[in-house]
Amino acid sequence: MIGRFKYDNEIFYGEVKEDRVIADKGLYNDTFLLTDLQILTPVQPSKIICVGLNYKDHARELGMEIPDEPVFFLKPASSVIGHLGNIIYPGMSKHIDYEGELAVIIGKRCKNISRKDANSVIMGYTCFNDVTARDLQKKDVQWTRSKSFDTFAPFGPYIADPMLDVSKLAIKTHVNGELRQDSSTSNLIFDVPYLIEFISSIMTLERGDIISTGTPAGVGELSIGDEVEVEIENVGLLKNTVISKD
């Protein structure tokens, strides 16, 4: 696993080895205790592309038909927070939900990538929580407001191997230790190579951009004080706490 860290005023990438981090500093590498470092978001994306209704079990849960092509929306870079960051409950919403997801991080600038070449542009994988103001989503014609509040795009903590087979990984979400989502990426309707091909045919993807692949069944509400964890097999565990705006 590769992470992005801060120590004093220095920011660097490093390889995570159990409770230690081997910092990548070129000729001379330093080793740190993980507990001595601030864990930052693995990348700083220019944009976050989120795919809606991309799990078969979630479609069944909602009583909706399987889509013919991906439906996606954007979250702004200003919505990003990392592992252990706080999700701020916005004052204009009365109902926010968690949506645990597998995210793919783009490794280089690309356009019109075929699915057979998709692996060549993947930096790696990480955990993502597509936090949503559900009441505002239902109220608005489109989803931008409900998905775009500051802190509504937690992801991390690290970058998993780009060669990881993500076709059948366990994906779970816990709230205050209670299991809320329990599925597998084998339930994805559109897989990662297809999504990269489809999205890159529409927009240029930049290094560090994120494609979050959708959420499985079991989406539910978060309250102030809740601790939410998104855990994906061989990818990691993302933990955040919901706090009041004030």
Protein backbone atom coordinates (compact mmCIF):
# COMPACT_ATOMS: atom_id res chain seq x y z
CA MET A 1 0.00 0.00 0.00
CA ILE A 2 1.18 3.51 -0.87
CA GLY A 3 0.06 6.52 1.13
CA ARG A 4 0.55 10.27 1.21
CA PHE A 5 1.66 11.67 4.55
CA LYS A 6 2.65 14.81 6.40
CA TYR A 7 5.36 15.11 9.04
CA ASP A 8 5.92 18.60 10.47
CA ASN A 9 5.69 20.71 7.30
CA GLU A 10 6.92 18.00 4.93
CA ILE A 11 4.55 16.08 2.62
CA PHE A 12 5.69 12.84 0.99
CA TYR A 13 4.57 9.46 -0.33
CA GLY A 14 5.56 6.28 1.44
CA GLU A 15 5.03 2.54 1.49
CA VAL A 16 2.99 1.28 4.43
CA LYS A 17 4.53 -1.74 6.19
CA GLU A 18 2.28 -2.69 9.11
CA ASP A 19 2.86 0.09 11.70
CA ARG A 20 5.65 1.82 9.78
CA VAL A 21 5.97 3.97 6.68
CA ILE A 22 9.02 3.94 4.42
CA ALA A 23 9.11 7.43 2.96
CA ASP A 24 9.98 7.78 -0.72
CA LYS A 25 12.58 10.55 -0.75
CA GLY A 26 14.70 9.52 -3.70
CA LEU A 27 18.24 8.56 -2.73
CA TYR A 28 17.64 8.57 1.00
CA ASN A 29 14.51 6.99 2.46
CA ASP A 30 13.36 7.55 6.03
CA THR A 31 11.23 5.25 8.15
CA PHE A 32 8.46 6.64 10.37
CA LEU A 33 5.97 5.20 12.80
CA LEU A 34 2.53 5.45 11.22
CA THR A 35 1.18 6.97 14.44
CA ASP A 36 3.64 9.89 14.09
CA LEU A 37 2.29 10.89 10.69
CA GLN A 38 -0.80 12.69 9.45
CA ILE A 39 -2.51 10.57 6.78
CA LEU A 40 -3.45 12.76 3.83
CA THR A 41 -5.69 11.96 0.89
CA PRO A 42 -3.70 9.64 -1.42
CA VAL A 43 -4.05 12.12 -4.31
CA GLN A 44 -5.45 15.60 -4.98
CA PRO A 45 -7.97 15.06 -7.78
CA SER A 46 -8.97 17.74 -10.25
CA LYS A 47 -12.37 16.05 -10.44
CA ILE A 48 -14.26 13.13 -8.95
CA ILE A 49 -16.52 11.14 -11.26
CA CYS A 50 -19.12 9.07 -9.40
CA VAL A 51 -21.18 6.35 -11.05
CA GLY A 52 -24.79 5.92 -9.97
CA LEU A 53 -26.82 2.70 -9.85
CA ASN A 54 -23.93 0.38 -10.71
CA TYR A 55 -24.63 -2.60 -8.43
CA LYS A 56 -27.19 -5.26 -9.28
CA ASP A 57 -28.19 -5.68 -5.63
CA HIS A 58 -28.68 -1.92 -5.22
CA ALA A 59 -30.87 -1.78 -8.35
CA ARG A 60 -32.99 -4.64 -6.97
CA GLU A 61 -33.19 -2.88 -3.60
CA LEU A 62 -34.58 0.24 -5.30
CA GLY A 63 -36.84 -1.71 -7.67
CA MET A 64 -35.10 -0.13 -10.67
CA GLU A 65 -34.10 -1.65 -13.99
CA ILE A 66 -30.47 -2.23 -14.91
CA PRO A 67 -29.25 0.81 -16.92
CA ASP A 68 -28.07 0.39 -20.52
CA GLU A 69 -25.06 2.65 -19.98
CA PRO A 70 -23.39 4.27 -16.96
CA VAL A 71 -25.04 7.25 -15.31
CA PHE A 72 -22.51 9.49 -13.62
CA PHE A 73 -22.11 12.86 -11.90
CA LEU A 74 -19.23 14.98 -10.63
CA LYS A 75 -18.14 16.00 -7.16
CA PRO A 76 -15.89 19.05 -6.77
CA ALA A 77 -12.34 18.83 -5.45
CA SER A 78 -13.47 21.03 -2.53
CA SER A 79 -15.58 18.12 -1.20
CA VAL A 80 -12.51 15.95 -0.51
CA ILE A 81 -11.39 14.80 2.93
CA GLY A 82 -9.14 11.93 3.94
CA HIS A 83 -9.08 9.04 6.37
CA LEU A 84 -10.08 10.13 9.89
CA GLY A 85 -11.37 13.47 8.57
CA ASN A 86 -14.71 14.81 9.77
CA ILE A 87 -17.85 14.79 7.64
CA ILE A 88 -19.66 18.07 8.37
CA TYR A 89 -23.45 17.78 8.51
CA PRO A 90 -24.71 20.74 6.42
CA GLY A 91 -27.27 23.04 7.98
CA MET A 92 -29.58 23.01 4.95
CA SER A 93 -30.04 19.22 5.01
CA LYS A 94 -32.05 17.03 7.37
CA HIS A 95 -30.96 13.66 5.98
CA ILE A 96 -27.51 12.57 4.83
CA ASP A 97 -26.55 9.05 3.73
CA TYR A 98 -23.37 7.01 3.44
CA GLU A 99 -22.54 5.19 0.20
CA GLY A 100 -19.48 2.93 0.46
CA GLU A 101 -17.69 2.49 -2.87
CA LEU A 102 -14.58 1.19 -4.62
CA ALA A 103 -12.70 4.00 -6.36
CA VAL A 104 -10.09 3.82 -9.09
CA ILE A 105 -7.35 6.48 -9.24
CA ILE A 106 -6.18 7.58 -12.67
CA GLY A 107 -2.41 7.47 -13.10
CA LYS A 108 -1.83 9.62 -16.17
CA ARG A 109 -3.57 12.12 -18.40
CA CYS A 110 -5.66 10.23 -20.93
CA LYS A 111 -8.51 10.45 -23.43
CA ASN A 112 -10.39 7.84 -25.48
CA ILE A 113 -8.90 4.83 -23.70
CA SER A 114 -10.20 1.44 -24.82
CA ARG A 115 -11.16 -1.06 -22.16
CA LYS A 116 -8.29 -3.35 -23.22
CA ASP A 117 -5.84 -0.52 -22.42
CA ALA A 118 -7.59 0.64 -19.25
CA ASN A 119 -5.06 -0.95 -16.87
CA SER A 120 -2.30 1.18 -18.38
CA VAL A 121 -3.84 4.37 -16.95
CA ILE A 122 -4.68 3.09 -13.45
CA MET A 123 -2.57 4.35 -10.53
CA GLY A 124 -4.40 2.11 -8.07
CA TYR A 125 -7.55 1.65 -6.01
CA THR A 126 -8.90 3.13 -2.79
CA CYS A 127 -12.03 3.32 -0.61
CA PHE A 128 -14.60 6.06 -1.15
CA ASN A 129 -17.73 7.30 0.63
CA ASP A 130 -20.19 9.14 -1.62
CA VAL A 131 -21.88 11.12 1.17
CA THR A 132 -25.23 12.44 -0.04
CA ALA A 133 -27.84 14.87 1.27
CA ARG A 134 -30.73 12.59 0.35
CA ASP A 135 -33.50 15.08 1.05
CA LEU A 136 -31.90 17.64 -1.28
CA GLN A 137 -31.28 15.01 -3.93
CA LYS A 138 -34.99 14.21 -3.97
CA LYS A 139 -35.89 17.90 -4.04
CA ASP A 140 -33.59 18.99 -6.86
CA VAL A 141 -33.90 18.08 -10.53
CA GLN A 142 -30.19 17.19 -10.66
CA TRP A 143 -27.80 15.95 -7.97
CA THR A 144 -25.07 18.59 -7.80
CA ARG A 145 -26.10 20.29 -4.56
CA SER A 146 -26.78 17.06 -2.66
CA LYS A 147 -23.39 15.57 -3.55
CA SER A 148 -21.10 18.60 -3.41
CA PHE A 149 -20.94 19.90 0.15
CA ASP A 150 -17.48 20.31 1.64
CA THR A 151 -16.36 16.99 3.25
CA PHE A 152 -18.81 14.90 1.16
CA ALA A 153 -16.04 12.99 -0.65
CA PRO A 154 -13.99 11.06 1.91
CA PHE A 155 -11.49 8.67 0.34
CA GLY A 156 -8.37 6.70 1.26
CA PRO A 157 -6.52 5.85 3.30
CA TYR A 158 -3.99 4.45 0.82
CA ILE A 159 -3.50 3.42 -2.82
CA ALA A 160 -3.80 -0.32 -3.46
CA ASP A 161 -1.87 -2.12 -6.20
CA PRO A 162 -3.06 -1.18 -9.73
CA MET A 163 -2.72 -4.86 -10.74
CA LEU A 164 -5.17 -5.95 -8.04
CA ASP A 165 -8.03 -8.07 -9.38
CA VAL A 166 -11.07 -6.05 -8.29
CA SER A 167 -13.67 -8.27 -9.95
CA LYS A 168 -14.69 -10.06 -6.74
CA LEU A 169 -13.79 -8.10 -3.61
CA ALA A 170 -15.84 -7.96 -0.43
CA ILE A 171 -17.14 -4.43 0.22
CA LYS A 172 -18.65 -3.53 3.59
CA THR A 173 -19.82 -0.40 5.39
CA HIS A 174 -20.15 -0.19 9.17
CA VAL A 175 -21.80 2.61 11.16
CA ASN A 176 -20.83 2.68 14.84
CA GLY A 177 -19.63 -0.90 14.44
CA GLU A 178 -22.92 -2.13 12.94
CA LEU A 179 -22.72 -3.77 9.50
CA ARG A 180 -24.88 -1.80 7.05
CA GLN A 181 -23.56 -2.76 3.60
CA ASP A 182 -22.23 -6.23 2.78
CA SER A 183 -21.68 -7.01 -0.88
CA SER A 184 -19.07 -7.85 -3.50
CA THR A 185 -17.67 -6.03 -6.51
CA SER A 186 -18.84 -9.07 -8.50
CA ASN A 187 -22.24 -7.32 -8.38
CA LEU A 188 -20.95 -4.37 -10.44
CA ILE A 189 -22.99 -3.75 -13.59
CA PHE A 190 -20.22 -1.87 -15.42
CA ASP A 191 -16.68 -2.91 -14.50
CA VAL A 192 -13.65 -0.63 -14.15
CA PRO A 193 -12.26 -1.06 -17.71
CA TYR A 194 -15.69 -0.31 -19.19
CA LEU A 195 -16.08 2.79 -17.00
CA ILE A 196 -12.67 4.12 -18.01
CA GLU A 197 -13.48 3.58 -21.68
CA PHE A 198 -16.90 5.20 -21.38
CA ILE A 199 -15.88 8.21 -19.27
CA SER A 200 -12.65 8.91 -21.16
CA SER A 201 -14.65 9.04 -24.40
CA ILE A 202 -16.46 12.05 -22.89
CA MET A 203 -13.80 13.91 -20.91
CA THR A 204 -10.05 14.02 -20.50
CA LEU A 205 -8.95 12.30 -17.31
CA GLU A 206 -6.04 13.85 -15.42
CA ARG A 207 -3.48 12.15 -13.20
CA GLY A 208 -5.02 11.86 -9.74
CA ASP A 209 -8.64 11.98 -10.90
CA ILE A 210 -10.99 9.54 -9.23
CA ILE A 211 -13.72 7.35 -10.68
CA SER A 212 -15.90 6.02 -7.87
CA THR A 213 -17.69 2.93 -9.14
CA GLY A 214 -21.03 3.06 -7.33
CA THR A 215 -22.50 1.70 -4.13
CA PRO A 216 -24.09 -1.67 -3.31
CA ALA A 217 -27.32 -2.36 -1.43
CA GLY A 218 -27.75 -1.13 2.13
CA VAL A 219 -27.41 2.63 1.77
CA GLY A 220 -28.64 4.40 4.88
CA GLU A 221 -28.70 7.47 7.08
CA LEU A 222 -25.93 9.08 9.09
CA SER A 223 -26.40 11.20 12.20
CA ILE A 224 -24.14 13.64 14.01
CA GLY A 225 -21.64 11.67 16.09
CA ASP A 226 -21.71 8.56 13.89
CA GLU A 227 -18.48 6.82 12.94
CA VAL A 228 -18.67 5.35 9.44
CA GLU A 229 -16.21 2.84 8.02
CA VAL A 230 -15.92 1.71 4.40
CA GLU A 231 -13.86 -1.48 4.14
CA ILE A 232 -12.86 -3.19 0.89
CA GLU A 233 -10.98 -6.46 0.75
CA ASN A 234 -7.27 -5.96 -0.11
CA VAL A 235 -7.86 -2.22 -0.57
CA GLY A 236 -8.22 -0.79 2.93
CA LEU A 237 -10.49 0.71 5.56
CA LEU A 238 -11.68 4.33 5.44
CA LYS A 239 -12.96 5.79 8.71
CA ASN A 240 -14.71 9.16 9.22
CA THR A 241 -16.87 10.81 11.88
CA VAL A 242 -19.93 12.98 11.32
CA ILE A 243 -19.88 16.30 13.17
CA SER A 244 -22.13 19.32 13.45
CA LYS A 245 -21.49 22.38 11.29
CA ASP A 246 -21.30 24.55 14.43
